[in-house]
Amino acid sequence: MYELYLFDFDYTLVNSEQGIVGCFRRTIEKWQLPRPADDAIRHTIGLPMEKAVAILTGLTDADDIDRFITDYKRDADIHMTPGTHFFPDTLPTLRALRARGAKIAIISTKTRTRIEEKFVVDHCTDLIDRIIGCEDVTAMKPSPEGIEKAIALFGAKKEAVLYTGDSLVDAGAAKNAGVAFAAVTTGTTEAAAFADVPHIKIMKSLKDLLIL
């Protein structure tokens, strides 16, 4: 049992495909850009927003990317949280970890305010001690900054910390921070992809954390 459980958000705790794909579709249509396949959009989930926009739109000018993100966020203010859903095992697992006395935090490339909104809407803010989003760090994952910030905030020892995520970027962040990593295959990264990166477990569901 670990003392501090850190989680990625998109594709780890929630399925946000409906929200993210929809927001990209509508914003790309507004900009009259070629529409990428939905699967291409799904594979950018979890990347820093600037990188995802560049991949999906072909935009290269930083100002254009910033303006696109501004339009995207306006749409996301309406559609993102309603289009984001906890995986079936997420809340029961968080409650079980909480009952054991564990501390729980989220480290994500999504904005902290957007993540907070989901927990508020679903009336489960008591399950999370801290959220560290993209606005709280200077470098995105696989930089260890977010994880290290959480470790410092809780005064935790690295051997007592477990980071869980669905991507190789998450695995890299855990490795760079020097903490244990558990992979969950609820995103677009298959189990085999995690075989060659440091991990303690490759899981089909978050509930497997309860038997570590």
N, C-alpha and C. Protein backbone atom coordinates (compact mmCIF):
# COMPACT_ATOMS: atom_id res chain seq x y z
N MET A 1 0.84 -1.20 0.00
CA MET A 1 0.00 0.00 0.00
C MET A 1 0.88 1.25 0.00
N TYR A 2 0.53 2.17 -0.85
CA TYR A 2 1.24 3.44 -0.92
C TYR A 2 0.50 4.47 -0.07
N GLU A 3 1.20 5.55 0.27
CA GLU A 3 0.61 6.60 1.08
C GLU A 3 0.02 7.72 0.22
N LEU A 4 0.65 7.98 -0.93
CA LEU A 4 0.21 9.05 -1.82
C LEU A 4 -0.03 8.46 -3.21
N TYR A 5 -1.27 8.54 -3.67
CA TYR A 5 -1.64 8.05 -5.00
C TYR A 5 -1.86 9.24 -5.92
N LEU A 6 -1.07 9.30 -6.98
CA LEU A 6 -1.17 10.37 -7.96
C LEU A 6 -1.75 9.80 -9.25
N PHE A 7 -2.62 10.56 -9.89
CA PHE A 7 -3.30 10.08 -11.09
C PHE A 7 -3.24 11.11 -12.21
N ASP A 8 -3.10 10.61 -13.43
CA ASP A 8 -3.43 11.40 -14.61
C ASP A 8 -4.96 11.54 -14.61
N PHE A 9 -5.50 12.39 -15.48
CA PHE A 9 -6.95 12.59 -15.51
C PHE A 9 -7.61 11.96 -16.74
N ASP A 10 -7.39 12.57 -17.92
CA ASP A 10 -8.03 12.06 -19.14
C ASP A 10 -7.56 10.65 -19.46
N TYR A 11 -8.52 9.77 -19.72
CA TYR A 11 -8.29 8.36 -20.06
C TYR A 11 -7.75 7.53 -18.89
N THR A 12 -7.52 8.16 -17.73
CA THR A 12 -7.12 7.42 -16.54
C THR A 12 -8.27 7.38 -15.54
N LEU A 13 -8.78 8.54 -15.17
CA LEU A 13 -9.94 8.61 -14.29
C LEU A 13 -11.24 8.78 -15.06
N VAL A 14 -11.14 9.42 -16.22
CA VAL A 14 -12.35 9.73 -16.99
C VAL A 14 -12.19 9.39 -18.46
N ASN A 15 -13.32 9.18 -19.11
CA ASN A 15 -13.37 9.11 -20.57
C ASN A 15 -13.90 10.46 -21.05
N SER A 16 -13.01 11.25 -21.62
CA SER A 16 -13.37 12.61 -22.06
C SER A 16 -13.45 12.71 -23.58
N GLU A 17 -13.53 11.56 -24.25
CA GLU A 17 -13.57 11.57 -25.72
C GLU A 17 -14.70 12.43 -26.26
N GLN A 18 -15.88 12.25 -25.73
CA GLN A 18 -17.03 12.99 -26.24
C GLN A 18 -16.80 14.49 -26.17
N GLY A 19 -16.29 14.95 -25.04
CA GLY A 19 -16.04 16.37 -24.88
C GLY A 19 -14.92 16.88 -25.77
N ILE A 20 -13.78 16.19 -25.76
CA ILE A 20 -12.61 16.67 -26.49
C ILE A 20 -12.82 16.57 -28.00
N VAL A 21 -13.29 15.43 -28.47
CA VAL A 21 -13.51 15.27 -29.91
C VAL A 21 -14.53 16.30 -30.40
N GLY A 22 -15.60 16.48 -29.65
CA GLY A 22 -16.62 17.44 -30.04
C GLY A 22 -16.10 18.86 -30.09
N CYS A 23 -15.32 19.25 -29.10
CA CYS A 23 -14.77 20.61 -29.07
C CYS A 23 -13.81 20.84 -30.23
N PHE A 24 -12.98 19.85 -30.53
CA PHE A 24 -12.08 20.00 -31.68
C PHE A 24 -12.88 20.07 -32.99
N ARG A 25 -13.87 19.21 -33.14
CA ARG A 25 -14.68 19.23 -34.37
C ARG A 25 -15.26 20.62 -34.60
N ARG A 26 -15.91 21.16 -33.57
CA ARG A 26 -16.60 22.44 -33.73
C ARG A 26 -15.62 23.59 -33.97
N THR A 27 -14.49 23.58 -33.26
CA THR A 27 -13.53 24.68 -33.43
C THR A 27 -12.84 24.59 -34.79
N ILE A 28 -12.50 23.39 -35.23
CA ILE A 28 -11.89 23.22 -36.56
C ILE A 28 -12.88 23.65 -37.65
N GLU A 29 -14.15 23.33 -37.46
CA GLU A 29 -15.16 23.75 -38.43
C GLU A 29 -15.26 25.28 -38.47
N LYS A 30 -15.23 25.91 -37.29
CA LYS A 30 -15.29 27.36 -37.22
C LYS A 30 -14.12 27.99 -37.97
N TRP A 31 -12.95 27.38 -37.85
CA TRP A 31 -11.75 27.90 -38.51
C TRP A 31 -11.68 27.47 -39.99
N GLN A 32 -12.62 26.63 -40.42
CA GLN A 32 -12.67 26.14 -41.80
C GLN A 32 -11.37 25.43 -42.20
N LEU A 33 -10.91 24.58 -41.29
CA LEU A 33 -9.71 23.78 -41.52
C LEU A 33 -10.10 22.36 -41.90
N PRO A 34 -9.21 21.62 -42.56
CA PRO A 34 -9.50 20.22 -42.86
C PRO A 34 -9.77 19.44 -41.59
N ARG A 35 -10.81 18.62 -41.63
CA ARG A 35 -11.21 17.89 -40.42
C ARG A 35 -10.42 16.60 -40.28
N PRO A 36 -9.71 16.42 -39.17
CA PRO A 36 -8.99 15.16 -38.94
C PRO A 36 -9.96 14.06 -38.53
N ALA A 37 -9.52 12.82 -38.66
CA ALA A 37 -10.33 11.69 -38.21
C ALA A 37 -10.50 11.75 -36.70
N ASP A 38 -11.64 11.27 -36.22
CA ASP A 38 -11.88 11.26 -34.77
C ASP A 38 -10.79 10.48 -34.04
N ASP A 39 -10.29 9.41 -34.66
CA ASP A 39 -9.25 8.61 -34.01
C ASP A 39 -7.97 9.43 -33.85
N ALA A 40 -7.69 10.30 -34.82
CA ALA A 40 -6.51 11.16 -34.70
C ALA A 40 -6.66 12.10 -33.51
N ILE A 41 -7.87 12.61 -33.31
CA ILE A 41 -8.12 13.48 -32.15
C ILE A 41 -7.93 12.70 -30.86
N ARG A 42 -8.48 11.49 -30.82
CA ARG A 42 -8.36 10.66 -29.60
C ARG A 42 -6.90 10.44 -29.22
N HIS A 43 -6.04 10.26 -30.20
CA HIS A 43 -4.64 9.97 -29.91
C HIS A 43 -3.86 11.19 -29.43
N THR A 44 -4.46 12.36 -29.47
CA THR A 44 -3.80 13.53 -28.90
C THR A 44 -4.26 13.83 -27.48
N ILE A 45 -5.25 13.08 -27.00
CA ILE A 45 -5.75 13.32 -25.64
C ILE A 45 -4.64 13.05 -24.62
N GLY A 46 -4.41 14.03 -23.78
CA GLY A 46 -3.34 13.93 -22.78
C GLY A 46 -2.10 14.71 -23.15
N LEU A 47 -1.99 15.12 -24.43
CA LEU A 47 -0.85 15.94 -24.83
C LEU A 47 -1.09 17.39 -24.40
N PRO A 48 -0.03 18.17 -24.25
CA PRO A 48 -0.22 19.61 -24.03
C PRO A 48 -1.07 20.19 -25.16
N MET A 49 -1.95 21.12 -24.84
CA MET A 49 -2.91 21.63 -25.81
C MET A 49 -2.23 22.20 -27.05
N GLU A 50 -1.16 22.95 -26.87
CA GLU A 50 -0.47 23.54 -28.01
C GLU A 50 0.01 22.47 -28.99
N LYS A 51 0.52 21.38 -28.46
CA LYS A 51 1.01 20.30 -29.31
C LYS A 51 -0.14 19.61 -30.02
N ALA A 52 -1.24 19.36 -29.30
CA ALA A 52 -2.40 18.71 -29.91
C ALA A 52 -2.96 19.56 -31.05
N VAL A 53 -3.06 20.87 -30.82
CA VAL A 53 -3.60 21.76 -31.86
C VAL A 53 -2.69 21.75 -33.08
N ALA A 54 -1.39 21.81 -32.87
CA ALA A 54 -0.46 21.81 -34.00
C ALA A 54 -0.59 20.53 -34.82
N ILE A 55 -0.72 19.39 -34.13
CA ILE A 55 -0.84 18.11 -34.82
C ILE A 55 -2.13 18.03 -35.63
N LEU A 56 -3.22 18.47 -35.04
CA LEU A 56 -4.54 18.27 -35.64
C LEU A 56 -4.92 19.32 -36.67
N THR A 57 -4.33 20.50 -36.57
CA THR A 57 -4.72 21.59 -37.47
C THR A 57 -3.66 21.94 -38.50
N GLY A 58 -2.42 21.60 -38.22
CA GLY A 58 -1.34 22.01 -39.10
C GLY A 58 -0.89 23.44 -38.87
N LEU A 59 -1.49 24.13 -37.91
CA LEU A 59 -1.08 25.50 -37.60
C LEU A 59 0.34 25.49 -37.01
N THR A 60 1.12 26.46 -37.42
CA THR A 60 2.51 26.54 -36.94
C THR A 60 2.81 27.85 -36.24
N ASP A 61 2.04 28.89 -36.53
CA ASP A 61 2.27 30.18 -35.90
C ASP A 61 1.73 30.16 -34.46
N ALA A 62 2.56 30.56 -33.52
CA ALA A 62 2.17 30.49 -32.11
C ALA A 62 0.94 31.33 -31.80
N ASP A 63 0.83 32.50 -32.45
CA ASP A 63 -0.34 33.35 -32.21
C ASP A 63 -1.61 32.70 -32.74
N ASP A 64 -1.51 32.03 -33.90
CA ASP A 64 -2.68 31.33 -34.45
C ASP A 64 -3.10 30.19 -33.52
N ILE A 65 -2.12 29.47 -33.00
CA ILE A 65 -2.43 28.37 -32.09
C ILE A 65 -3.10 28.90 -30.83
N ASP A 66 -2.60 30.01 -30.31
CA ASP A 66 -3.21 30.61 -29.11
C ASP A 66 -4.65 31.03 -29.38
N ARG A 67 -4.91 31.61 -30.55
CA ARG A 67 -6.27 32.05 -30.89
C ARG A 67 -7.19 30.85 -31.06
N PHE A 68 -6.67 29.78 -31.65
CA PHE A 68 -7.46 28.55 -31.79
C PHE A 68 -7.82 28.01 -30.41
N ILE A 69 -6.85 27.99 -29.50
CA ILE A 69 -7.10 27.48 -28.15
C ILE A 69 -8.14 28.33 -27.43
N THR A 70 -8.09 29.64 -27.64
CA THR A 70 -9.09 30.52 -27.03
C THR A 70 -10.49 30.16 -27.51
N ASP A 71 -10.64 29.94 -28.82
CA ASP A 71 -11.95 29.54 -29.36
C ASP A 71 -12.36 28.16 -28.84
N TYR A 72 -11.40 27.25 -28.77
CA TYR A 72 -11.66 25.91 -28.24
C TYR A 72 -12.17 25.98 -26.80
N LYS A 73 -11.54 26.82 -26.00
CA LYS A 73 -11.93 26.92 -24.59
C LYS A 73 -13.33 27.49 -24.42
N ARG A 74 -13.71 28.41 -25.31
CA ARG A 74 -15.08 28.94 -25.25
C ARG A 74 -16.09 27.81 -25.48
N ASP A 75 -15.79 26.94 -26.43
CA ASP A 75 -16.67 25.80 -26.68
C ASP A 75 -16.61 24.81 -25.52
N ALA A 76 -15.40 24.61 -24.98
CA ALA A 76 -15.23 23.67 -23.87
C ALA A 76 -15.97 24.12 -22.62
N ASP A 77 -16.10 25.43 -22.44
CA ASP A 77 -16.85 25.93 -21.28
C ASP A 77 -18.29 25.43 -21.29
N ILE A 78 -18.80 25.15 -22.47
CA ILE A 78 -20.17 24.67 -22.61
C ILE A 78 -20.25 23.15 -22.63
N HIS A 79 -19.34 22.52 -23.37
CA HIS A 79 -19.51 21.10 -23.70
C HIS A 79 -18.56 20.12 -23.00
N MET A 80 -17.43 20.61 -22.44
CA MET A 80 -16.43 19.66 -21.98
C MET A 80 -16.89 18.82 -20.79
N THR A 81 -17.32 19.45 -19.73
CA THR A 81 -17.69 18.68 -18.54
C THR A 81 -18.89 17.76 -18.80
N PRO A 82 -19.95 18.21 -19.49
CA PRO A 82 -21.04 17.28 -19.81
C PRO A 82 -20.58 16.11 -20.68
N GLY A 83 -19.48 16.30 -21.44
CA GLY A 83 -18.98 15.23 -22.30
C GLY A 83 -17.84 14.44 -21.68
N THR A 84 -17.65 14.57 -20.37
CA THR A 84 -16.60 13.86 -19.64
C THR A 84 -17.24 12.97 -18.58
N HIS A 85 -16.85 11.69 -18.57
CA HIS A 85 -17.52 10.72 -17.69
C HIS A 85 -16.50 9.87 -16.94
N PHE A 86 -16.69 9.73 -15.64
CA PHE A 86 -15.82 8.84 -14.87
C PHE A 86 -15.97 7.41 -15.37
N PHE A 87 -14.84 6.70 -15.46
CA PHE A 87 -14.92 5.27 -15.73
C PHE A 87 -15.65 4.58 -14.57
N PRO A 88 -16.31 3.46 -14.82
CA PRO A 88 -17.12 2.82 -13.78
C PRO A 88 -16.37 2.53 -12.48
N ASP A 89 -15.07 2.20 -12.58
CA ASP A 89 -14.32 1.82 -11.38
C ASP A 89 -13.62 3.00 -10.71
N THR A 90 -13.70 4.19 -11.29
CA THR A 90 -12.93 5.32 -10.76
C THR A 90 -13.37 5.72 -9.36
N LEU A 91 -14.61 6.11 -9.20
CA LEU A 91 -15.04 6.62 -7.89
C LEU A 91 -15.01 5.55 -6.81
N PRO A 92 -15.45 4.30 -7.08
CA PRO A 92 -15.30 3.26 -6.05
C PRO A 92 -13.85 3.04 -5.64
N THR A 93 -12.93 3.10 -6.59
CA THR A 93 -11.52 2.91 -6.26
C THR A 93 -10.99 4.06 -5.42
N LEU A 94 -11.32 5.28 -5.81
CA LEU A 94 -10.88 6.43 -5.01
C LEU A 94 -11.45 6.39 -3.60
N ARG A 95 -12.71 5.98 -3.48
CA ARG A 95 -13.32 5.88 -2.14
C ARG A 95 -12.62 4.81 -1.31
N ALA A 96 -12.28 3.69 -1.93
CA ALA A 96 -11.61 2.61 -1.20
C ALA A 96 -10.21 3.05 -0.75
N LEU A 97 -9.49 3.75 -1.61
CA LEU A 97 -8.16 4.25 -1.23
C LEU A 97 -8.28 5.28 -0.10
N ARG A 98 -9.29 6.11 -0.21
CA ARG A 98 -9.52 7.13 0.82
C ARG A 98 -9.83 6.46 2.16
N ALA A 99 -10.63 5.38 2.12
CA ALA A 99 -10.98 4.67 3.36
C ALA A 99 -9.76 4.06 4.03
N ARG A 100 -8.74 3.78 3.24
CA ARG A 100 -7.50 3.22 3.78
C ARG A 100 -6.58 4.31 4.33
N GLY A 101 -6.98 5.56 4.16
CA GLY A 101 -6.17 6.65 4.68
C GLY A 101 -5.20 7.25 3.69
N ALA A 102 -5.31 6.87 2.43
CA ALA A 102 -4.38 7.38 1.42
C ALA A 102 -4.68 8.82 1.06
N LYS A 103 -3.64 9.55 0.66
CA LYS A 103 -3.78 10.87 0.07
C LYS A 103 -3.87 10.69 -1.44
N ILE A 104 -4.64 11.54 -2.10
CA ILE A 104 -4.91 11.38 -3.53
C ILE A 104 -4.78 12.73 -4.22
N ALA A 105 -4.05 12.74 -5.34
CA ALA A 105 -3.90 13.97 -6.12
C ALA A 105 -3.88 13.64 -7.60
N ILE A 106 -4.16 14.65 -8.40
CA ILE A 106 -4.17 14.52 -9.86
C ILE A 106 -3.07 15.39 -10.45
N ILE A 107 -2.32 14.82 -11.40
CA ILE A 107 -1.30 15.55 -12.14
C ILE A 107 -1.67 15.44 -13.61
N SER A 108 -2.04 16.55 -14.24
CA SER A 108 -2.59 16.48 -15.59
C SER A 108 -2.13 17.64 -16.46
N THR A 109 -2.15 17.41 -17.78
CA THR A 109 -1.90 18.50 -18.73
C THR A 109 -3.17 19.30 -19.00
N LYS A 110 -4.29 18.86 -18.44
CA LYS A 110 -5.54 19.62 -18.54
C LYS A 110 -5.51 20.75 -17.52
N THR A 111 -6.36 21.75 -17.68
CA THR A 111 -6.38 22.82 -16.70
C THR A 111 -6.98 22.33 -15.38
N ARG A 112 -6.41 22.83 -14.31
CA ARG A 112 -6.91 22.47 -12.98
C ARG A 112 -8.39 22.85 -12.83
N THR A 113 -8.75 24.01 -13.33
CA THR A 113 -10.13 24.47 -13.16
C THR A 113 -11.13 23.57 -13.87
N ARG A 114 -10.74 23.02 -15.02
CA ARG A 114 -11.64 22.12 -15.74
C ARG A 114 -11.80 20.81 -14.99
N ILE A 115 -10.73 20.31 -14.42
CA ILE A 115 -10.80 19.07 -13.64
C ILE A 115 -11.64 19.29 -12.39
N GLU A 116 -11.41 20.40 -11.71
CA GLU A 116 -12.19 20.72 -10.51
C GLU A 116 -13.68 20.76 -10.82
N GLU A 117 -14.01 21.31 -11.97
CA GLU A 117 -15.41 21.43 -12.37
C GLU A 117 -16.09 20.07 -12.43
N LYS A 118 -15.38 19.07 -12.95
CA LYS A 118 -15.96 17.72 -13.05
C LYS A 118 -16.25 17.15 -11.67
N PHE A 119 -15.32 17.32 -10.74
CA PHE A 119 -15.54 16.80 -9.39
C PHE A 119 -16.64 17.55 -8.66
N VAL A 120 -16.77 18.83 -8.92
CA VAL A 120 -17.84 19.62 -8.30
C VAL A 120 -19.19 19.17 -8.83
N VAL A 121 -19.30 19.05 -10.15
CA VAL A 121 -20.57 18.66 -10.77
C VAL A 121 -21.03 17.30 -10.29
N ASP A 122 -20.08 16.38 -10.10
CA ASP A 122 -20.42 15.02 -9.66
C ASP A 122 -20.41 14.86 -8.15
N HIS A 123 -20.27 15.97 -7.42
CA HIS A 123 -20.37 15.98 -5.95
C HIS A 123 -19.39 15.00 -5.28
N CYS A 124 -18.14 15.03 -5.74
CA CYS A 124 -17.16 14.10 -5.16
C CYS A 124 -15.81 14.78 -4.91
N THR A 125 -15.85 16.06 -4.58
CA THR A 125 -14.61 16.78 -4.30
C THR A 125 -13.87 16.24 -3.09
N ASP A 126 -14.58 15.52 -2.23
CA ASP A 126 -13.95 14.97 -1.03
C ASP A 126 -12.97 13.85 -1.34
N LEU A 127 -12.98 13.35 -2.58
CA LEU A 127 -12.12 12.22 -2.94
C LEU A 127 -10.72 12.65 -3.39
N ILE A 128 -10.52 13.95 -3.56
CA ILE A 128 -9.25 14.46 -4.06
C ILE A 128 -8.68 15.50 -3.10
N ASP A 129 -7.39 15.34 -2.78
CA ASP A 129 -6.74 16.31 -1.90
C ASP A 129 -6.14 17.48 -2.67
N ARG A 130 -5.69 17.23 -3.89
CA ARG A 130 -5.01 18.28 -4.64
C ARG A 130 -5.09 17.98 -6.14
N ILE A 131 -5.19 19.03 -6.93
CA ILE A 131 -5.14 18.91 -8.39
C ILE A 131 -4.04 19.84 -8.89
N ILE A 132 -3.11 19.30 -9.66
CA ILE A 132 -2.06 20.09 -10.28
C ILE A 132 -2.26 20.00 -11.78
N GLY A 133 -2.70 21.12 -12.37
CA GLY A 133 -2.97 21.17 -13.79
C GLY A 133 -1.91 21.90 -14.56
N CYS A 134 -2.18 22.14 -15.85
CA CYS A 134 -1.16 22.74 -16.71
C CYS A 134 -0.79 24.15 -16.28
N GLU A 135 -1.74 24.86 -15.62
CA GLU A 135 -1.45 26.22 -15.19
C GLU A 135 -0.58 26.27 -13.93
N ASP A 136 -0.30 25.11 -13.35
CA ASP A 136 0.45 25.06 -12.09
C ASP A 136 1.92 24.66 -12.28
N VAL A 137 2.32 24.40 -13.53
CA VAL A 137 3.70 23.98 -13.80
C VAL A 137 4.27 24.80 -14.96
N THR A 138 5.58 24.79 -15.05
CA THR A 138 6.25 25.48 -16.16
C THR A 138 6.62 24.51 -17.27
N ALA A 139 6.64 23.22 -16.96
CA ALA A 139 6.99 22.20 -17.95
C ALA A 139 6.00 21.04 -17.85
N MET A 140 5.50 20.59 -18.99
CA MET A 140 4.52 19.52 -19.03
C MET A 140 5.19 18.14 -18.95
N LYS A 141 4.39 17.14 -18.60
CA LYS A 141 4.87 15.76 -18.64
C LYS A 141 5.41 15.45 -20.03
N PRO A 142 6.51 14.71 -20.15
CA PRO A 142 7.13 13.85 -19.12
C PRO A 142 8.05 14.55 -18.13
N SER A 143 8.03 15.87 -18.10
CA SER A 143 8.73 16.55 -17.02
C SER A 143 8.18 16.05 -15.68
N PRO A 144 9.06 15.88 -14.68
CA PRO A 144 8.59 15.42 -13.37
C PRO A 144 8.04 16.54 -12.50
N GLU A 145 7.96 17.76 -13.04
CA GLU A 145 7.63 18.92 -12.19
C GLU A 145 6.34 18.75 -11.42
N GLY A 146 5.28 18.33 -12.09
CA GLY A 146 4.00 18.19 -11.41
C GLY A 146 4.04 17.16 -10.30
N ILE A 147 4.65 16.02 -10.58
CA ILE A 147 4.77 14.96 -9.56
C ILE A 147 5.63 15.45 -8.40
N GLU A 148 6.74 16.09 -8.71
CA GLU A 148 7.62 16.58 -7.65
C GLU A 148 6.93 17.65 -6.80
N LYS A 149 6.10 18.47 -7.43
CA LYS A 149 5.37 19.48 -6.68
C LYS A 149 4.42 18.81 -5.69
N ALA A 150 3.74 17.74 -6.14
CA ALA A 150 2.83 17.02 -5.25
C ALA A 150 3.58 16.37 -4.09
N ILE A 151 4.71 15.77 -4.39
CA ILE A 151 5.51 15.14 -3.35
C ILE A 151 5.91 16.17 -2.28
N ALA A 152 6.30 17.35 -2.74
CA ALA A 152 6.70 18.40 -1.79
C ALA A 152 5.51 18.89 -0.98
N LEU A 153 4.37 19.05 -1.62
CA LEU A 153 3.18 19.54 -0.93
C LEU A 153 2.74 18.60 0.19
N PHE A 154 2.85 17.29 -0.06
CA PHE A 154 2.40 16.31 0.92
C PHE A 154 3.53 15.87 1.85
N GLY A 155 4.75 16.29 1.57
CA GLY A 155 5.88 15.86 2.39
C GLY A 155 6.09 14.36 2.32
N ALA A 156 5.83 13.78 1.15
CA ALA A 156 5.89 12.32 1.00
C ALA A 156 7.29 11.85 0.62
N LYS A 157 7.58 10.62 0.97
CA LYS A 157 8.80 9.96 0.52
C LYS A 157 8.51 9.30 -0.83
N LYS A 158 9.46 9.35 -1.74
CA LYS A 158 9.22 8.85 -3.09
C LYS A 158 8.81 7.38 -3.12
N GLU A 159 9.35 6.60 -2.20
CA GLU A 159 9.02 5.17 -2.18
C GLU A 159 7.58 4.92 -1.72
N ALA A 160 6.93 5.94 -1.21
CA ALA A 160 5.54 5.82 -0.75
C ALA A 160 4.56 6.40 -1.75
N VAL A 161 5.06 6.73 -2.95
CA VAL A 161 4.24 7.40 -3.97
C VAL A 161 4.04 6.50 -5.18
N LEU A 162 2.81 6.46 -5.68
CA LEU A 162 2.50 5.72 -6.90
C LEU A 162 1.78 6.66 -7.87
N TYR A 163 2.29 6.72 -9.10
CA TYR A 163 1.63 7.51 -10.14
C TYR A 163 0.98 6.56 -11.13
N THR A 164 -0.29 6.79 -11.44
CA THR A 164 -1.04 5.95 -12.37
C THR A 164 -1.46 6.78 -13.58
N GLY A 165 -1.19 6.24 -14.78
CA GLY A 165 -1.57 6.94 -15.99
C GLY A 165 -1.77 5.97 -17.14
N ASP A 166 -2.25 6.51 -18.26
CA ASP A 166 -2.62 5.67 -19.40
C ASP A 166 -1.67 5.79 -20.59
N SER A 167 -0.59 6.58 -20.46
CA SER A 167 0.25 6.84 -21.62
C SER A 167 1.73 6.70 -21.30
N LEU A 168 2.54 6.63 -22.37
CA LEU A 168 3.99 6.58 -22.19
C LEU A 168 4.52 7.91 -21.66
N VAL A 169 3.81 8.99 -21.92
CA VAL A 169 4.18 10.28 -21.34
C VAL A 169 4.05 10.22 -19.83
N ASP A 170 2.98 9.58 -19.34
CA ASP A 170 2.81 9.41 -17.90
C ASP A 170 3.92 8.54 -17.33
N ALA A 171 4.24 7.46 -18.04
CA ALA A 171 5.32 6.57 -17.59
C ALA A 171 6.64 7.33 -17.50
N GLY A 172 6.89 8.19 -18.49
CA GLY A 172 8.12 8.98 -18.48
C GLY A 172 8.17 9.96 -17.33
N ALA A 173 7.04 10.57 -17.01
CA ALA A 173 6.99 11.51 -15.90
C ALA A 173 7.30 10.81 -14.58
N ALA A 174 6.72 9.62 -14.39
CA ALA A 174 6.99 8.86 -13.17
C ALA A 174 8.46 8.47 -13.08
N LYS A 175 9.01 8.00 -14.20
CA LYS A 175 10.43 7.62 -14.22
C LYS A 175 11.32 8.82 -13.89
N ASN A 176 11.02 9.95 -14.51
CA ASN A 176 11.84 11.14 -14.28
C ASN A 176 11.73 11.66 -12.85
N ALA A 177 10.59 11.39 -12.22
CA ALA A 177 10.39 11.82 -10.83
C ALA A 177 10.93 10.81 -9.82
N GLY A 178 11.24 9.61 -10.31
CA GLY A 178 11.76 8.58 -9.41
C GLY A 178 10.71 7.93 -8.54
N VAL A 179 9.47 7.82 -9.07
CA VAL A 179 8.41 7.17 -8.30
C VAL A 179 7.87 5.97 -9.08
N ALA A 180 7.17 5.10 -8.38
CA ALA A 180 6.58 3.91 -9.02
C ALA A 180 5.47 4.32 -9.98
N PHE A 181 5.29 3.50 -11.01
CA PHE A 181 4.28 3.78 -12.03
C PHE A 181 3.40 2.56 -12.26
N ALA A 182 2.09 2.80 -12.32
CA ALA A 182 1.14 1.76 -12.71
C ALA A 182 0.43 2.24 -13.97
N ALA A 183 0.41 1.40 -15.00
CA ALA A 183 -0.23 1.75 -16.26
C ALA A 183 -1.66 1.21 -16.28
N VAL A 184 -2.56 1.98 -16.85
CA VAL A 184 -3.93 1.52 -17.03
C VAL A 184 -4.26 1.65 -18.52
N THR A 185 -4.89 0.63 -19.09
CA THR A 185 -5.08 0.56 -20.54
C THR A 185 -6.47 1.03 -20.96
N THR A 186 -6.97 2.06 -20.29
CA THR A 186 -8.28 2.61 -20.63
C THR A 186 -8.18 3.75 -21.65
N GLY A 187 -6.96 4.01 -22.11
CA GLY A 187 -6.75 5.05 -23.12
C GLY A 187 -6.43 4.44 -24.48
N THR A 188 -5.58 5.11 -25.25
CA THR A 188 -5.25 4.65 -26.60
C THR A 188 -3.93 3.91 -26.65
N THR A 189 -3.27 3.74 -25.49
CA THR A 189 -2.00 3.01 -25.44
C THR A 189 -2.24 1.58 -24.99
N GLU A 190 -1.80 0.63 -25.82
CA GLU A 190 -2.03 -0.78 -25.52
C GLU A 190 -1.03 -1.28 -24.48
N ALA A 191 -1.40 -2.39 -23.84
CA ALA A 191 -0.58 -2.94 -22.76
C ALA A 191 0.85 -3.22 -23.20
N ALA A 192 1.02 -3.74 -24.41
CA ALA A 192 2.36 -4.11 -24.87
C ALA A 192 3.31 -2.92 -24.91
N ALA A 193 2.78 -1.74 -25.11
CA ALA A 193 3.62 -0.55 -25.20
C ALA A 193 4.30 -0.22 -23.87
N PHE A 194 3.74 -0.70 -22.77
CA PHE A 194 4.31 -0.41 -21.45
C PHE A 194 5.35 -1.44 -21.01
N ALA A 195 5.52 -2.48 -21.80
CA ALA A 195 6.39 -3.58 -21.38
C ALA A 195 7.82 -3.15 -21.12
N ASP A 196 8.31 -2.20 -21.91
CA ASP A 196 9.72 -1.82 -21.81
C ASP A 196 9.97 -0.57 -20.97
N VAL A 197 8.93 -0.08 -20.29
CA VAL A 197 9.14 1.08 -19.42
C VAL A 197 8.97 0.64 -17.96
N PRO A 198 9.62 1.30 -17.03
CA PRO A 198 9.48 0.90 -15.62
C PRO A 198 8.03 0.97 -15.17
N HIS A 199 7.55 -0.12 -14.57
CA HIS A 199 6.17 -0.14 -14.07
C HIS A 199 6.06 -1.24 -13.02
N ILE A 200 5.08 -1.09 -12.15
CA ILE A 200 4.83 -2.15 -11.18
C ILE A 200 3.65 -3.01 -11.59
N LYS A 201 2.79 -2.46 -12.46
CA LYS A 201 1.63 -3.22 -12.91
C LYS A 201 1.04 -2.56 -14.15
N ILE A 202 0.52 -3.39 -15.04
CA ILE A 202 -0.26 -2.94 -16.19
C ILE A 202 -1.68 -3.41 -15.97
N MET A 203 -2.62 -2.48 -15.86
CA MET A 203 -3.96 -2.81 -15.40
C MET A 203 -5.01 -2.53 -16.49
N LYS A 204 -6.06 -3.33 -16.47
CA LYS A 204 -7.20 -3.06 -17.34
C LYS A 204 -8.18 -2.10 -16.67
N SER A 205 -8.09 -2.01 -15.35
CA SER A 205 -9.02 -1.18 -14.59
C SER A 205 -8.33 -0.63 -13.36
N LEU A 206 -8.75 0.55 -12.92
CA LEU A 206 -8.19 1.14 -11.71
C LEU A 206 -8.42 0.29 -10.47
N LYS A 207 -9.45 -0.54 -10.47
CA LYS A 207 -9.73 -1.33 -9.27
C LYS A 207 -8.57 -2.27 -8.93
N ASP A 208 -7.70 -2.56 -9.92
CA ASP A 208 -6.53 -3.41 -9.65
C ASP A 208 -5.55 -2.75 -8.68
N LEU A 209 -5.66 -1.44 -8.52
CA LEU A 209 -4.80 -0.76 -7.53
C LEU A 209 -5.06 -1.27 -6.12
N LEU A 210 -6.25 -1.75 -5.89
CA LEU A 210 -6.63 -2.15 -4.55
C LEU A 210 -6.00 -3.46 -4.10
N ILE A 211 -5.38 -4.17 -5.05
CA ILE A 211 -4.74 -5.45 -4.68
C ILE A 211 -3.21 -5.37 -4.78
N LEU A 212 -2.68 -4.15 -4.95
CA LEU A 212 -1.23 -4.00 -4.99
C LEU A 212 -0.65 -4.14 -3.58
